[in-house]
């Protein structure tokens, strides 16, 4: 899937329009989320003021921030 910056808050619109980075791939919108800094390390998840925050378990850098619909 497309690469997002960890500081960018993702919404239904941004996630719904995401496409695969692999040329010619016909994937169905499934995502594999991982941090850019430590790709083989799990992530911590927390919820803050309507935003789901995923952070690298190794260094704590944000991997994704996802707005939760009201």
Protein backbone atom coordinates (compact mmCIF):
# COMPACT_ATOMS: atom_id res chain seq x y z
CA UNK A 1 0.00 0.00 0.00
CA UNK A 2 0.99 3.61 -0.24
CA UNK A 3 3.45 4.91 2.29
CA UNK A 4 2.15 7.40 4.85
CA UNK A 5 4.16 9.56 7.25
CA UNK A 6 3.69 8.63 10.88
CA UNK A 7 2.71 12.18 11.81
CA UNK A 8 -0.07 12.38 9.20
CA UNK A 9 -3.55 11.65 10.59
CA UNK A 10 -5.23 9.17 8.25
CA UNK A 11 -8.99 9.28 7.61
CA UNK A 12 -11.52 7.11 5.73
CA UNK A 13 -10.85 9.23 2.67
CA UNK A 14 -7.05 8.79 2.71
CA UNK A 15 -7.20 5.08 3.55
CA UNK A 16 -9.97 4.41 1.02
CA UNK A 17 -8.01 6.01 -1.81
CA UNK A 18 -4.70 4.31 -0.96
CA UNK A 19 -3.22 2.17 -3.70
CA UNK A 20 -0.47 -0.41 -3.75
CA UNK A 21 3.11 0.71 -4.42
CA UNK A 22 3.75 -2.41 -6.52
CA UNK A 23 3.25 -1.61 -10.24
CA UNK A 24 0.45 -3.64 -11.80
CA UNK A 25 -0.69 -5.09 -8.47
CA UNK A 26 -4.42 -5.69 -8.15
CA UNK A 27 -4.54 -6.02 -4.37
CA UNK A 28 -7.88 -5.53 -2.68
CA UNK A 29 -7.06 -2.71 -0.28
CA UNK A 30 -5.57 -4.90 2.45
CA UNK A 31 -2.74 -3.28 4.40
CA UNK A 32 0.31 -4.42 6.26
CA UNK A 33 1.17 -1.70 8.76
CA UNK A 34 4.68 -1.44 10.13
CA UNK A 35 7.00 1.31 11.18
CA UNK A 36 9.49 2.69 8.67
CA UNK A 37 12.26 2.71 11.28
CA UNK A 38 12.14 -0.91 12.54
CA UNK A 39 10.06 -2.95 10.09
CA UNK A 40 10.44 -6.29 11.92
CA UNK A 41 9.43 -4.94 15.34
CA UNK A 42 5.83 -4.95 16.65
CA UNK A 43 3.98 -1.72 17.34
CA UNK A 44 2.23 -0.26 20.36
CA UNK A 45 -1.32 1.02 19.93
CA UNK A 46 -3.00 3.75 21.95
CA UNK A 47 -6.11 5.87 21.60
CA UNK A 48 -5.97 9.64 22.14
CA UNK A 49 -8.84 12.10 21.54
CA UNK A 50 -10.43 10.25 18.62
CA UNK A 51 -7.15 9.11 17.05
CA UNK A 52 -5.71 5.58 17.08
CA UNK A 53 -1.92 5.94 17.38
CA UNK A 54 0.46 3.17 16.29
CA UNK A 55 4.09 3.53 17.44
CA UNK A 56 7.26 1.51 16.92
CA UNK A 57 7.82 -0.71 19.97
CA UNK A 58 11.61 -0.31 19.55
CA UNK A 59 12.05 3.47 19.44
CA UNK A 60 8.56 4.95 19.96
CA UNK A 61 8.35 6.84 16.66
CA UNK A 62 4.79 7.13 15.31
CA UNK A 63 4.05 4.72 12.45
CA UNK A 64 0.43 5.77 11.86
CA UNK A 65 -2.28 7.96 13.31
CA UNK A 66 -5.80 6.98 12.27
CA UNK A 67 -8.86 9.16 12.94
CA UNK A 68 -11.73 7.13 14.40
CA UNK A 69 -15.15 8.00 13.01
CA UNK A 70 -17.61 9.38 15.58
